[in-house]
Amino acid sequence: MKELSTRHAYVIAVVGGAILWLVTTTVSGRNEAWDSPLYWTVAYPLAIALAGSLGYSAPNKPWRWALAVMLVQAVALAITASGFGLLPLGLIVFAVLALPPIGVALIMAGIRNRRGGRQ
């Protein structure tokens, strides 16, 4: 399997993370996606899976894909939020939420590297 370019991986991570946040917000009718159970049962697991997939497809510094997926959600929150009072706390929460996706991306990159990039 051919390795994904850095540019493509960033685009997929950013677009994917934003879509997860915005669709969850829209479908749930909540002001913030994480206020909905749908975020925790569907969107967040998909974010973890996306980070893992990108870690496998672009195994060089895979942690950055997970950070991109999660921190673009903070940007989406900032754009759609009615106020910025809790934004610093939100950034901390997103950084903590990025830890499982980072772990999965690292594991998947390790699997790819052990396989020698062969499919």
PDB file of N, CA and C in Angstrom:
ATOM      1  N   MET A   1       0.847  -1.178   0.000  1.00  0.00           N
ATOM      2  CA  MET A   1       0.000   0.000   0.000  1.00  0.00           C
ATOM      3  C   MET A   1       0.890   1.238   0.000  1.00  0.00           C
ATOM      4  N   LYS A   2       0.591   2.141  -0.908  1.00  0.00           N
ATOM      5  CA  LYS A   2       1.364   3.364  -1.022  1.00  0.00           C
ATOM      6  C   LYS A   2       1.096   4.284   0.171  1.00  0.00           C
ATOM      7  N   GLU A   3       2.151   4.926   0.644  1.00  0.00           N
ATOM      8  CA  GLU A   3       2.012   5.836   1.766  1.00  0.00           C
ATOM      9  C   GLU A   3       1.296   7.109   1.338  1.00  0.00           C
ATOM     10  N   LEU A   4       0.416   7.588   2.192  1.00  0.00           N
ATOM     11  CA  LEU A   4      -0.336   8.811   1.943  1.00  0.00           C
ATOM     12  C   LEU A   4       0.587  10.009   2.139  1.00  0.00           C
ATOM     13  N   SER A   5       0.490  11.012   1.292  1.00  0.00           N
ATOM     14  CA  SER A   5       1.329  12.202   1.446  1.00  0.00           C
ATOM     15  C   SER A   5       0.905  12.985   2.685  1.00  0.00           C
ATOM     16  N   THR A   6       1.818  13.766   3.205  1.00  0.00           N
ATOM     17  CA  THR A   6       1.545  14.588   4.379  1.00  0.00           C
ATOM     18  C   THR A   6       0.389  15.542   4.111  1.00  0.00           C
ATOM     19  N   ARG A   7       0.408  16.168   2.967  1.00  0.00           N
ATOM     20  CA  ARG A   7      -0.654  17.130   2.623  1.00  0.00           C
ATOM     21  C   ARG A   7      -2.023  16.454   2.602  1.00  0.00           C
ATOM     22  N   HIS A   8      -2.095  15.294   1.951  1.00  0.00           N
ATOM     23  CA  HIS A   8      -3.377  14.586   1.886  1.00  0.00           C
ATOM     24  C   HIS A   8      -3.829  14.128   3.271  1.00  0.00           C
ATOM     25  N   ALA A   9      -2.894  13.671   4.082  1.00  0.00           N
ATOM     26  CA  ALA A   9      -3.246  13.225   5.430  1.00  0.00           C
ATOM     27  C   ALA A   9      -3.802  14.386   6.258  1.00  0.00           C
ATOM     28  N   TYR A  10      -3.173  15.554   6.157  1.00  0.00           N
ATOM     29  CA  TYR A  10      -3.684  16.715   6.887  1.00  0.00           C
ATOM     30  C   TYR A  10      -5.073  17.111   6.401  1.00  0.00           C
ATOM     31  N   VAL A  11      -5.270  17.103   5.091  1.00  0.00           N
ATOM     32  CA  VAL A  11      -6.580  17.469   4.548  1.00  0.00           C
ATOM     33  C   VAL A  11      -7.652  16.504   5.054  1.00  0.00           C
ATOM     34  N   ILE A  12      -7.360  15.219   4.994  1.00  0.00           N
ATOM     35  CA  ILE A  12      -8.321  14.218   5.458  1.00  0.00           C
ATOM     36  C   ILE A  12      -8.597  14.390   6.956  1.00  0.00           C
ATOM     37  N   ALA A  13      -7.542  14.619   7.740  1.00  0.00           N
ATOM     38  CA  ALA A  13      -7.710  14.784   9.186  1.00  0.00           C
ATOM     39  C   ALA A  13      -8.554  16.013   9.515  1.00  0.00           C
ATOM     40  N   VAL A  14      -8.250  17.125   8.883  1.00  0.00           N
ATOM     41  CA  VAL A  14      -8.955  18.374   9.181  1.00  0.00           C
ATOM     42  C   VAL A  14     -10.401  18.317   8.692  1.00  0.00           C
ATOM     43  N   VAL A  15     -10.598  17.887   7.466  1.00  0.00           N
ATOM     44  CA  VAL A  15     -11.961  17.811   6.931  1.00  0.00           C
ATOM     45  C   VAL A  15     -12.771  16.775   7.712  1.00  0.00           C
ATOM     46  N   GLY A  16     -12.169  15.624   7.982  1.00  0.00           N
ATOM     47  CA  GLY A  16     -12.870  14.579   8.732  1.00  0.00           C
ATOM     48  C   GLY A  16     -13.255  15.020  10.124  1.00  0.00           C
ATOM     49  N   GLY A  17     -12.338  15.643  10.844  1.00  0.00           N
ATOM     50  CA  GLY A  17     -12.638  16.119  12.192  1.00  0.00           C
ATOM     51  C   GLY A  17     -13.726  17.168  12.201  1.00  0.00           C
ATOM     52  N   ALA A  18     -13.670  18.100  11.259  1.00  0.00           N
ATOM     53  CA  ALA A  18     -14.687  19.148  11.183  1.00  0.00           C
ATOM     54  C   ALA A  18     -16.053  18.554  10.843  1.00  0.00           C
ATOM     55  N   ILE A  19     -16.071  17.631   9.893  1.00  0.00           N
ATOM     56  CA  ILE A  19     -17.343  16.996   9.521  1.00  0.00           C
ATOM     57  C   ILE A  19     -17.946  16.258  10.715  1.00  0.00           C
ATOM     58  N   LEU A  20     -17.117  15.524  11.452  1.00  0.00           N
ATOM     59  CA  LEU A  20     -17.631  14.795  12.612  1.00  0.00           C
ATOM     60  C   LEU A  20     -18.294  15.744  13.606  1.00  0.00           C
ATOM     61  N   TRP A  21     -17.641  16.859  13.886  1.00  0.00           N
ATOM     62  CA  TRP A  21     -18.183  17.816  14.853  1.00  0.00           C
ATOM     63  C   TRP A  21     -19.459  18.472  14.322  1.00  0.00           C
ATOM     64  N   LEU A  22     -19.406  18.979  13.105  1.00  0.00           N
ATOM     65  CA  LEU A  22     -20.530  19.742  12.556  1.00  0.00           C
ATOM     66  C   LEU A  22     -21.751  18.868  12.289  1.00  0.00           C
ATOM     67  N   VAL A  23     -21.534  17.663  11.789  1.00  0.00           N
ATOM     68  CA  VAL A  23     -22.672  16.773  11.538  1.00  0.00           C
ATOM     69  C   VAL A  23     -23.314  16.347  12.859  1.00  0.00           C
ATOM     70  N   THR A  24     -22.501  16.039  13.838  1.00  0.00           N
ATOM     71  CA  THR A  24     -23.045  15.650  15.141  1.00  0.00           C
ATOM     72  C   THR A  24     -23.841  16.801  15.756  1.00  0.00           C
ATOM     73  N   THR A  25     -23.318  18.005  15.654  1.00  0.00           N
ATOM     74  CA  THR A  25     -24.028  19.174  16.173  1.00  0.00           C
ATOM     75  C   THR A  25     -25.363  19.351  15.461  1.00  0.00           C
ATOM     76  N   THR A  26     -25.345  19.228  14.146  1.00  0.00           N
ATOM     77  CA  THR A  26     -26.559  19.422  13.352  1.00  0.00           C
ATOM     78  C   THR A  26     -27.594  18.335  13.614  1.00  0.00           C
ATOM     79  N   VAL A  27     -27.154  17.084  13.569  1.00  0.00           N
ATOM     80  CA  VAL A  27     -28.084  15.956  13.742  1.00  0.00           C
ATOM     81  C   VAL A  27     -28.668  15.936  15.145  1.00  0.00           C
ATOM     82  N   SER A  28     -27.844  16.240  16.128  1.00  0.00           N
ATOM     83  CA  SER A  28     -28.316  16.168  17.513  1.00  0.00           C
ATOM     84  C   SER A  28     -29.129  17.391  17.928  1.00  0.00           C
ATOM     85  N   GLY A  29     -28.969  18.491  17.206  1.00  0.00           N
ATOM     86  CA  GLY A  29     -29.668  19.713  17.574  1.00  0.00           C
ATOM     87  C   GLY A  29     -29.077  20.411  18.779  1.00  0.00           C
ATOM     88  N   ARG A  30     -27.913  19.981  19.183  1.00  0.00           N
ATOM     89  CA  ARG A  30     -27.243  20.591  20.341  1.00  0.00           C
ATOM     90  C   ARG A  30     -26.335  21.732  19.873  1.00  0.00           C
ATOM     91  N   ASN A  31     -25.998  22.643  20.786  1.00  0.00           N
ATOM     92  CA  ASN A  31     -25.089  23.736  20.461  1.00  0.00           C
ATOM     93  C   ASN A  31     -23.653  23.249  20.315  1.00  0.00           C
ATOM     94  N   GLU A  32     -23.332  22.218  21.059  1.00  0.00           N
ATOM     95  CA  GLU A  32     -21.989  21.641  21.020  1.00  0.00           C
ATOM     96  C   GLU A  32     -22.137  20.137  20.861  1.00  0.00           C
ATOM     97  N   ALA A  33     -21.370  19.577  19.961  1.00  0.00           N
ATOM     98  CA  ALA A  33     -21.500  18.153  19.642  1.00  0.00           C
ATOM     99  C   ALA A  33     -21.314  17.273  20.874  1.00  0.00           C
ATOM    100  N   TRP A  34     -20.387  17.615  21.730  1.00  0.00           N
ATOM    101  CA  TRP A  34     -20.106  16.733  22.866  1.00  0.00           C
ATOM    102  C   TRP A  34     -21.193  16.768  23.931  1.00  0.00           C
ATOM    103  N   ASP A  35     -22.183  17.631  23.756  1.00  0.00           N
ATOM    104  CA  ASP A  35     -23.357  17.611  24.639  1.00  0.00           C
ATOM    105  C   ASP A  35     -24.331  16.502  24.264  1.00  0.00           C
ATOM    106  N   SER A  36     -24.098  15.862  23.128  1.00  0.00           N
ATOM    107  CA  SER A  36     -24.974  14.811  22.645  1.00  0.00           C
ATOM    108  C   SER A  36     -24.353  13.431  22.877  1.00  0.00           C
ATOM    109  N   PRO A  37     -25.157  12.450  23.271  1.00  0.00           N
ATOM    110  CA  PRO A  37     -24.640  11.081  23.372  1.00  0.00           C
ATOM    111  C   PRO A  37     -24.117  10.566  22.022  1.00  0.00           C
ATOM    112  N   LEU A  38     -24.651  11.118  20.942  1.00  0.00           N
ATOM    113  CA  LEU A  38     -24.213  10.734  19.600  1.00  0.00           C
ATOM    114  C   LEU A  38     -22.718  10.999  19.395  1.00  0.00           C
ATOM    115  N   TYR A  39     -22.214  12.047  20.015  1.00  0.00           N
ATOM    116  CA  TYR A  39     -20.782  12.349  19.895  1.00  0.00           C
ATOM    117  C   TYR A  39     -19.952  11.223  20.515  1.00  0.00           C
ATOM    118  N   TRP A  40     -20.360  10.789  21.692  1.00  0.00           N
ATOM    119  CA  TRP A  40     -19.569   9.808  22.442  1.00  0.00           C
ATOM    120  C   TRP A  40     -19.728   8.389  21.911  1.00  0.00           C
ATOM    121  N   THR A  41     -20.854   8.117  21.274  1.00  0.00           N
ATOM    122  CA  THR A  41     -21.094   6.757  20.778  1.00  0.00           C
ATOM    123  C   THR A  41     -20.747   6.577  19.303  1.00  0.00           C
ATOM    124  N   VAL A  42     -20.733   7.668  18.540  1.00  0.00           N
ATOM    125  CA  VAL A  42     -20.462   7.557  17.107  1.00  0.00           C
ATOM    126  C   VAL A  42     -19.283   8.430  16.675  1.00  0.00           C
ATOM    127  N   ALA A  43     -19.391   9.743  16.889  1.00  0.00           N
ATOM    128  CA  ALA A  43     -18.398  10.667  16.341  1.00  0.00           C
ATOM    129  C   ALA A  43     -17.007  10.479  16.957  1.00  0.00           C
ATOM    130  N   TYR A  44     -16.923  10.375  18.263  1.00  0.00           N
ATOM    131  CA  TYR A  44     -15.604  10.224  18.895  1.00  0.00           C
ATOM    132  C   TYR A  44     -14.941   8.896  18.514  1.00  0.00           C
ATOM    133  N   PRO A  45     -15.673   7.771  18.545  1.00  0.00           N
ATOM    134  CA  PRO A  45     -15.051   6.536  18.058  1.00  0.00           C
ATOM    135  C   PRO A  45     -14.611   6.634  16.585  1.00  0.00           C
ATOM    136  N   LEU A  46     -15.391   7.335  15.764  1.00  0.00           N
ATOM    137  CA  LEU A  46     -14.985   7.527  14.371  1.00  0.00           C
ATOM    138  C   LEU A  46     -13.730   8.393  14.273  1.00  0.00           C
ATOM    139  N   ALA A  47     -13.595   9.377  15.160  1.00  0.00           N
ATOM    140  CA  ALA A  47     -12.392  10.207  15.183  1.00  0.00           C
ATOM    141  C   ALA A  47     -11.171   9.359  15.537  1.00  0.00           C
ATOM    142  N   ILE A  48     -11.337   8.455  16.492  1.00  0.00           N
ATOM    143  CA  ILE A  48     -10.251   7.551  16.868  1.00  0.00           C
ATOM    144  C   ILE A  48      -9.890   6.648  15.694  1.00  0.00           C
ATOM    145  N   ALA A  49     -10.909   6.118  15.030  1.00  0.00           N
ATOM    146  CA  ALA A  49     -10.675   5.250  13.867  1.00  0.00           C
ATOM    147  C   ALA A  49     -10.010   6.017  12.732  1.00  0.00           C
ATOM    148  N   LEU A  50     -10.423   7.252  12.512  1.00  0.00           N
ATOM    149  CA  LEU A  50      -9.810   8.076  11.471  1.00  0.00           C
ATOM    150  C   LEU A  50      -8.335   8.311  11.770  1.00  0.00           C
ATOM    151  N   ALA A  51      -8.018   8.630  13.015  1.00  0.00           N
ATOM    152  CA  ALA A  51      -6.623   8.836  13.400  1.00  0.00           C
ATOM    153  C   ALA A  51      -5.808   7.563  13.197  1.00  0.00           C
ATOM    154  N   GLY A  52      -6.384   6.415  13.551  1.00  0.00           N
ATOM    155  CA  GLY A  52      -5.695   5.142  13.349  1.00  0.00           C
ATOM    156  C   GLY A  52      -5.467   4.841  11.888  1.00  0.00           C
ATOM    157  N   SER A  53      -6.472   5.095  11.078  1.00  0.00           N
ATOM    158  CA  SER A  53      -6.351   4.875   9.638  1.00  0.00           C
ATOM    159  C   SER A  53      -5.270   5.769   9.034  1.00  0.00           C
ATOM    160  N   LEU A  54      -5.248   7.013   9.446  1.00  0.00           N
ATOM    161  CA  LEU A  54      -4.215   7.924   8.954  1.00  0.00           C
ATOM    162  C   LEU A  54      -2.835   7.539   9.484  1.00  0.00           C
ATOM    163  N   GLY A  55      -2.775   7.057  10.716  1.00  0.00           N
ATOM    164  CA  GLY A  55      -1.507   6.594  11.264  1.00  0.00           C
ATOM    165  C   GLY A  55      -0.934   5.441  10.463  1.00  0.00           C
ATOM    166  N   TYR A  56      -1.817   4.571   9.989  1.00  0.00           N
ATOM    167  CA  TYR A  56      -1.379   3.444   9.162  1.00  0.00           C
ATOM    168  C   TYR A  56      -0.989   3.921   7.759  1.00  0.00           C
ATOM    169  N   SER A  57      -1.765   4.830   7.209  1.00  0.00           N
ATOM    170  CA  SER A  57      -1.549   5.282   5.836  1.00  0.00           C
ATOM    171  C   SER A  57      -0.401   6.274   5.695  1.00  0.00           C
ATOM    172  N   ALA A  58      -0.106   7.005   6.769  1.00  0.00           N
ATOM    173  CA  ALA A  58       0.979   7.990   6.768  1.00  0.00           C
ATOM    174  C   ALA A  58       1.711   7.858   8.098  1.00  0.00           C
ATOM    175  N   PRO A  59       2.569   6.832   8.233  1.00  0.00           N
ATOM    176  CA  PRO A  59       3.127   6.478   9.541  1.00  0.00           C
ATOM    177  C   PRO A  59       4.233   7.392  10.085  1.00  0.00           C
ATOM    178  N   ASN A  60       4.647   8.390   9.344  1.00  0.00           N
ATOM    179  CA  ASN A  60       5.674   9.306   9.833  1.00  0.00           C
ATOM    180  C   ASN A  60       5.031  10.342  10.759  1.00  0.00           C
ATOM    181  N   LYS A  61       5.410  10.341  12.029  1.00  0.00           N
ATOM    182  CA  LYS A  61       4.844  11.239  13.046  1.00  0.00           C
ATOM    183  C   LYS A  61       3.314  11.139  13.097  1.00  0.00           C
ATOM    184  N   PRO A  62       2.790   9.970  13.375  1.00  0.00           N
ATOM    185  CA  PRO A  62       1.340   9.755  13.300  1.00  0.00           C
ATOM    186  C   PRO A  62       0.531  10.521  14.336  1.00  0.00           C
ATOM    187  N   TRP A  63       1.135  10.976  15.400  1.00  0.00           N
ATOM    188  CA  TRP A  63       0.433  11.719  16.433  1.00  0.00           C
ATOM    189  C   TRP A  63      -0.205  12.986  15.873  1.00  0.00           C
ATOM    190  N   ARG A  64       0.398  13.548  14.831  1.00  0.00           N
ATOM    191  CA  ARG A  64      -0.108  14.816  14.303  1.00  0.00           C
ATOM    192  C   ARG A  64      -1.471  14.666  13.644  1.00  0.00           C
ATOM    193  N   TRP A  65      -1.760  13.482  13.107  1.00  0.00           N
ATOM    194  CA  TRP A  65      -3.082  13.281  12.492  1.00  0.00           C
ATOM    195  C   TRP A  65      -4.158  13.298  13.569  1.00  0.00           C
ATOM    196  N   ALA A  66      -3.879  12.663  14.690  1.00  0.00           N
ATOM    197  CA  ALA A  66      -4.850  12.653  15.789  1.00  0.00           C
ATOM    198  C   ALA A  66      -5.066  14.061  16.335  1.00  0.00           C
ATOM    199  N   LEU A  67      -3.991  14.804  16.493  1.00  0.00           N
ATOM    200  CA  LEU A  67      -4.148  16.184  16.967  1.00  0.00           C
ATOM    201  C   LEU A  67      -4.943  17.019  15.977  1.00  0.00           C
ATOM    202  N   ALA A  68      -4.686  16.835  14.700  1.00  0.00           N
ATOM    203  CA  ALA A  68      -5.424  17.598  13.688  1.00  0.00           C
ATOM    204  C   ALA A  68      -6.910  17.261  13.727  1.00  0.00           C
ATOM    205  N   VAL A  69      -7.232  15.967  13.829  1.00  0.00           N
ATOM    206  CA  VAL A  69      -8.636  15.543  13.885  1.00  0.00           C
ATOM    207  C   VAL A  69      -9.336  16.174  15.085  1.00  0.00           C
ATOM    208  N   MET A  70      -8.688  16.176  16.228  1.00  0.00           N
ATOM    209  CA  MET A  70      -9.341  16.665  17.439  1.00  0.00           C
ATOM    210  C   MET A  70      -9.310  18.188  17.566  1.00  0.00           C
ATOM    211  N   LEU A  71      -8.197  18.810  17.219  1.00  0.00           N
ATOM    212  CA  LEU A  71      -8.111  20.254  17.431  1.00  0.00           C
ATOM    213  C   LEU A  71      -8.915  21.044  16.405  1.00  0.00           C
ATOM    214  N   VAL A  72      -9.164  20.470  15.226  1.00  0.00           N
ATOM    215  CA  VAL A  72     -10.055  21.158  14.286  1.00  0.00           C
ATOM    216  C   VAL A  72     -11.474  21.176  14.845  1.00  0.00           C
ATOM    217  N   GLN A  73     -11.793  20.232  15.692  1.00  0.00           N
ATOM    218  CA  GLN A  73     -13.099  20.256  16.344  1.00  0.00           C
ATOM    219  C   GLN A  73     -13.195  21.444  17.298  1.00  0.00           C
ATOM    220  N   ALA A  74     -12.077  21.800  17.912  1.00  0.00           N
ATOM    221  CA  ALA A  74     -12.055  22.992  18.765  1.00  0.00           C
ATOM    222  C   ALA A  74     -12.279  24.245  17.925  1.00  0.00           C
ATOM    223  N   VAL A  75     -11.716  24.269  16.743  1.00  0.00           N
ATOM    224  CA  VAL A  75     -11.928  25.397  15.841  1.00  0.00           C
ATOM    225  C   VAL A  75     -13.402  25.469  15.432  1.00  0.00           C
ATOM    226  N   ALA A  76     -13.972  24.312  15.089  1.00  0.00           N
ATOM    227  CA  ALA A  76     -15.396  24.272  14.727  1.00  0.00           C
ATOM    228  C   ALA A  76     -16.255  24.743  15.897  1.00  0.00           C
ATOM    229  N   LEU A  77     -15.913  24.336  17.091  1.00  0.00           N
ATOM    230  CA  LEU A  77     -16.637  24.781  18.283  1.00  0.00           C
ATOM    231  C   LEU A  77     -16.524  26.293  18.428  1.00  0.00           C
ATOM    232  N   ALA A  78     -15.315  26.823  18.255  1.00  0.00           N
ATOM    233  CA  ALA A  78     -15.107  28.265  18.397  1.00  0.00           C
ATOM    234  C   ALA A  78     -15.906  29.052  17.365  1.00  0.00           C
ATOM    235  N   ILE A  79     -16.006  28.512  16.154  1.00  0.00           N
ATOM    236  CA  ILE A  79     -16.736  29.205  15.089  1.00  0.00           C
ATOM    237  C   ILE A  79     -18.239  29.182  15.353  1.00  0.00           C
ATOM    238  N   THR A  80     -18.726  28.061  15.855  1.00  0.00           N
ATOM    239  CA  THR A  80     -20.171  27.915  16.041  1.00  0.00           C
ATOM    240  C   THR A  80     -20.659  28.321  17.430  1.00  0.00           C
ATOM    241  N   ALA A  81     -19.760  28.541  18.373  1.00  0.00           N
ATOM    242  CA  ALA A  81     -20.157  28.858  19.755  1.00  0.00           C
ATOM    243  C   ALA A  81     -20.686  30.280  19.853  1.00  0.00           C
ATOM    244  N   SER A  82     -21.561  30.467  20.815  1.00  0.00           N
ATOM    245  CA  SER A  82     -22.130  31.797  21.026  1.00  0.00           C
ATOM    246  C   SER A  82     -21.197  32.685  21.849  1.00  0.00           C
ATOM    247  N   GLY A  83     -20.258  32.092  22.530  1.00  0.00           N
ATOM    248  CA  GLY A  83     -19.317  32.858  23.328  1.00  0.00           C
ATOM    249  C   GLY A  83     -17.986  32.130  23.444  1.00  0.00           C
ATOM    250  N   PHE A  84     -16.970  32.858  23.858  1.00  0.00           N
ATOM    251  CA  PHE A  84     -15.629  32.275  23.937  1.00  0.00           C
ATOM    252  C   PHE A  84     -15.141  32.118  25.375  1.00  0.00           C
ATOM    253  N   GLY A  85     -16.024  32.286  26.341  1.00  0.00           N
ATOM    254  CA  GLY A  85     -15.628  32.244  27.744  1.00  0.00           C
ATOM    255  C   GLY A  85     -14.997  30.928  28.166  1.00  0.00           C
ATOM    256  N   LEU A  86     -15.511  29.827  27.645  1.00  0.00           N
ATOM    257  CA  LEU A  86     -15.002  28.515  28.044  1.00  0.00           C
ATOM    258  C   LEU A  86     -14.042  27.907  27.016  1.00  0.00           C
ATOM    259  N   LEU A  87     -13.642  28.705  26.016  1.00  0.00           N
ATOM    260  CA  LEU A  87     -12.763  28.176  24.980  1.00  0.00           C
ATOM    261  C   LEU A  87     -11.439  27.628  25.533  1.00  0.00           C
ATOM    262  N   PRO A  88     -10.774  28.319  26.486  1.00  0.00           N
ATOM    263  CA  PRO A  88      -9.527  27.734  27.019  1.00  0.00           C
ATOM    264  C   PRO A  88      -9.749  26.359  27.649  1.00  0.00           C
ATOM    265  N   LEU A  89     -10.843  26.191  28.376  1.00  0.00           N
ATOM    266  CA  LEU A  89     -11.161  24.891  28.958  1.00  0.00           C
ATOM    267  C   LEU A  89     -11.449  23.875  27.853  1.00  0.00           C
ATOM    268  N   GLY A  90     -12.150  24.308  26.827  1.00  0.00           N
ATOM    269  CA  GLY A  90     -12.443  23.432  25.695  1.00  0.00           C
ATOM    270  C   GLY A  90     -11.180  22.944  25.009  1.00  0.00           C
ATOM    271  N   LEU A  91     -10.201  23.813  24.862  1.00  0.00           N
ATOM    272  CA  LEU A  91      -8.930  23.406  24.247  1.00  0.00           C
ATOM    273  C   LEU A  91      -8.225  22.353  25.090  1.00  0.00           C
ATOM    274  N   ILE A  92      -8.288  22.505  26.398  1.00  0.00           N
ATOM    275  CA  ILE A  92      -7.688  21.507  27.286  1.00  0.00           C
ATOM    276  C   ILE A  92      -8.419  20.175  27.149  1.00  0.00           C
ATOM    277  N   VAL A  93      -9.749  20.224  27.102  1.00  0.00           N
ATOM    278  CA  VAL A  93     -10.532  18.998  26.959  1.00  0.00           C
ATOM    279  C   VAL A  93     -10.205  18.308  25.631  1.00  0.00           C
ATOM    280  N   PHE A  94     -10.127  19.081  24.552  1.00  0.00           N
ATOM    281  CA  PHE A  94      -9.793  18.481  23.264  1.00  0.00           C
ATOM    282  C   PHE A  94      -8.390  17.886  23.270  1.00  0.00           C
ATOM    283  N   ALA A  95      -7.465  18.526  23.963  1.00  0.00           N
ATOM    284  CA  ALA A  95      -6.103  17.968  24.055  1.00  0.00           C
ATOM    285  C   ALA A  95      -6.120  16.633  24.793  1.00  0.00           C
ATOM    286  N   VAL A  96      -6.902  16.531  25.854  1.00  0.00           N
ATOM    287  CA  VAL A  96      -7.023  15.269  26.588  1.00  0.00           C
ATOM    288  C   VAL A  96      -7.739  14.226  25.727  1.00  0.00           C
ATOM    289  N   LEU A  97      -8.799  14.648  25.033  1.00  0.00           N
ATOM    290  CA  LEU A  97      -9.517  13.726  24.158  1.00  0.00           C
ATOM    291  C   LEU A  97      -8.647  13.236  22.999  1.00  0.00           C
ATOM    292  N   ALA A  98      -7.600  13.968  22.685  1.00  0.00           N
ATOM    293  CA  ALA A  98      -6.695  13.558  21.599  1.00  0.00           C
ATOM    294  C   ALA A  98      -5.788  12.401  22.021  1.00  0.00           C
ATOM    295  N   LEU A  99      -5.673  12.123  23.308  1.00  0.00           N
ATOM    296  CA  LEU A  99      -4.745  11.076  23.758  1.00  0.00           C
ATOM    297  C   LEU A  99      -5.097   9.680  23.227  1.00  0.00           C
ATOM    298  N   PRO A 100      -6.348   9.214  23.330  1.00  0.00           N
ATOM    299  CA  PRO A 100      -6.647   7.899  22.739  1.00  0.00           C
ATOM    300  C   PRO A 100      -6.418   7.850  21.225  1.00  0.00           C
ATOM    301  N   PRO A 101      -6.844   8.866  20.452  1.00  0.00           N
ATOM    302  CA  PRO A 101      -6.535   8.817  19.024  1.00  0.00           C
ATOM    303  C   PRO A 101      -5.029   8.813  18.739  1.00  0.00           C
ATOM    304  N   ILE A 102      -4.265   9.540  19.540  1.00  0.00           N
ATOM    305  CA  ILE A 102      -2.805   9.528  19.365  1.00  0.00           C
ATOM    306  C   ILE A 102      -2.275   8.115  19.593  1.00  0.00           C
ATOM    307  N   GLY A 103      -2.744   7.479  20.650  1.00  0.00           N
ATOM    308  CA  GLY A 103      -2.307   6.110  20.940  1.00  0.00           C
ATOM    309  C   GLY A 103      -2.633   5.151  19.812  1.00  0.00           C
ATOM    310  N   VAL A 104      -3.847   5.244  19.288  1.00  0.00           N
ATOM    311  CA  VAL A 104      -4.253   4.354  18.191  1.00  0.00           C
ATOM    312  C   VAL A 104      -3.437   4.657  16.939  1.00  0.00           C
ATOM    313  N   ALA A 105      -3.212   5.928  16.637  1.00  0.00           N
ATOM    314  CA  ALA A 105      -2.406   6.292  15.462  1.00  0.00           C
ATOM    315  C   ALA A 105      -0.981   5.748  15.595  1.00  0.00           C
ATOM    316  N   LEU A 106      -0.413   5.828  16.795  1.00  0.00           N
ATOM    317  CA  LEU A 106       0.943   5.300  17.017  1.00  0.00           C
ATOM    318  C   LEU A 106       0.980   3.784  16.854  1.00  0.00           C
ATOM    319  N   ILE A 107      -0.030   3.115  17.378  1.00  0.00           N
ATOM    320  CA  ILE A 107      -0.098   1.648  17.244  1.00  0.00           C
ATOM    321  C   ILE A 107      -0.213   1.254  15.785  1.00  0.00           C
ATOM    322  N   MET A 108      -1.091   1.930  15.056  1.00  0.00           N
ATOM    323  CA  MET A 108      -1.287   1.590  13.646  1.00  0.00           C
ATOM    324  C   MET A 108      -0.049   1.906  12.810  1.00  0.00           C
ATOM    325  N   ALA A 109       0.640   2.990  13.120  1.00  0.00           N
ATOM    326  CA  ALA A 109       1.889   3.305  12.420  1.00  0.00           C
ATOM    327  C   ALA A 109       2.935   2.240  12.720  1.00  0.00           C
ATOM    328  N   GLY A 110       2.972   1.771  13.966  1.00  0.00           N
ATOM    329  CA  GLY A 110       3.903   0.707  14.333  1.00  0.00           C
ATOM    330  C   GLY A 110       3.620  -0.574  13.574  1.00  0.00           C
ATOM    331  N   ILE A 111       2.341  -0.905  13.429  1.00  0.00           N
ATOM    332  CA  ILE A 111       1.970  -2.093  12.651  1.00  0.00           C
ATOM    333  C   ILE A 111       2.432  -1.925  11.209  1.00  0.00           C
ATOM    334  N   ARG A 112       2.187  -0.754  10.635  1.00  0.00           N
ATOM    335  CA  ARG A 112       2.601  -0.495   9.247  1.00  0.00           C
ATOM    336  C   ARG A 112       4.114  -0.609   9.111  1.00  0.00           C
ATOM    337  N   ASN A 113       4.837  -0.033  10.053  1.00  0.00           N
ATOM    338  CA  ASN A 113       6.297  -0.051   9.983  1.00  0.00           C
ATOM    339  C   ASN A 113       6.853  -1.463  10.172  1.00  0.00           C
ATOM    340  N   ARG A 114       6.237  -2.265  11.039  1.00  0.00           N
ATOM    341  CA  ARG A 114       6.690  -3.644  11.241  1.00  0.00           C
ATOM    342  C   ARG A 114       6.455  -4.500  10.000  1.00  0.00           C
ATOM    343  N   ARG A 115       5.393  -4.173   9.291  1.00  0.00           N
ATOM    344  CA  ARG A 115       5.104  -4.893   8.067  1.00  0.00           C
ATOM    345  C   ARG A 115       6.004  -4.435   6.924  1.00  0.00           C
ATOM    346  N   GLY A 116       6.742  -3.378   7.169  1.00  0.00           N
ATOM    347  CA  GLY A 116       7.630  -2.859   6.135  1.00  0.00           C
ATOM    348  C   GLY A 116       6.894  -2.179   5.006  1.00  0.00           C
ATOM    349  N   GLY A 117       5.688  -1.699   5.291  1.00  0.00           N
ATOM    350  CA  GLY A 117       4.901  -1.014   4.269  1.00  0.00           C
ATOM    351  C   GLY A 117       4.281  -1.967   3.271  1.00  0.00           C
ATOM    352  N   ARG A 118       4.445  -3.288   3.489  1.00  0.00           N
ATOM    353  CA  ARG A 118       3.864  -4.272   2.560  1.00  0.00           C
ATOM    354  C   ARG A 118       2.400  -4.473   2.890  1.00  0.00           C
ATOM    355  N   GLN A 119       1.675  -4.865   1.908  1.00  0.00           N
ATOM    356  CA  GLN A 119       0.254  -5.157   2.089  1.00  0.00           C
ATOM    357  C   GLN A 119       0.000  -6.599   1.846  1.00  0.00           C
TER     358      GLN A 119
END
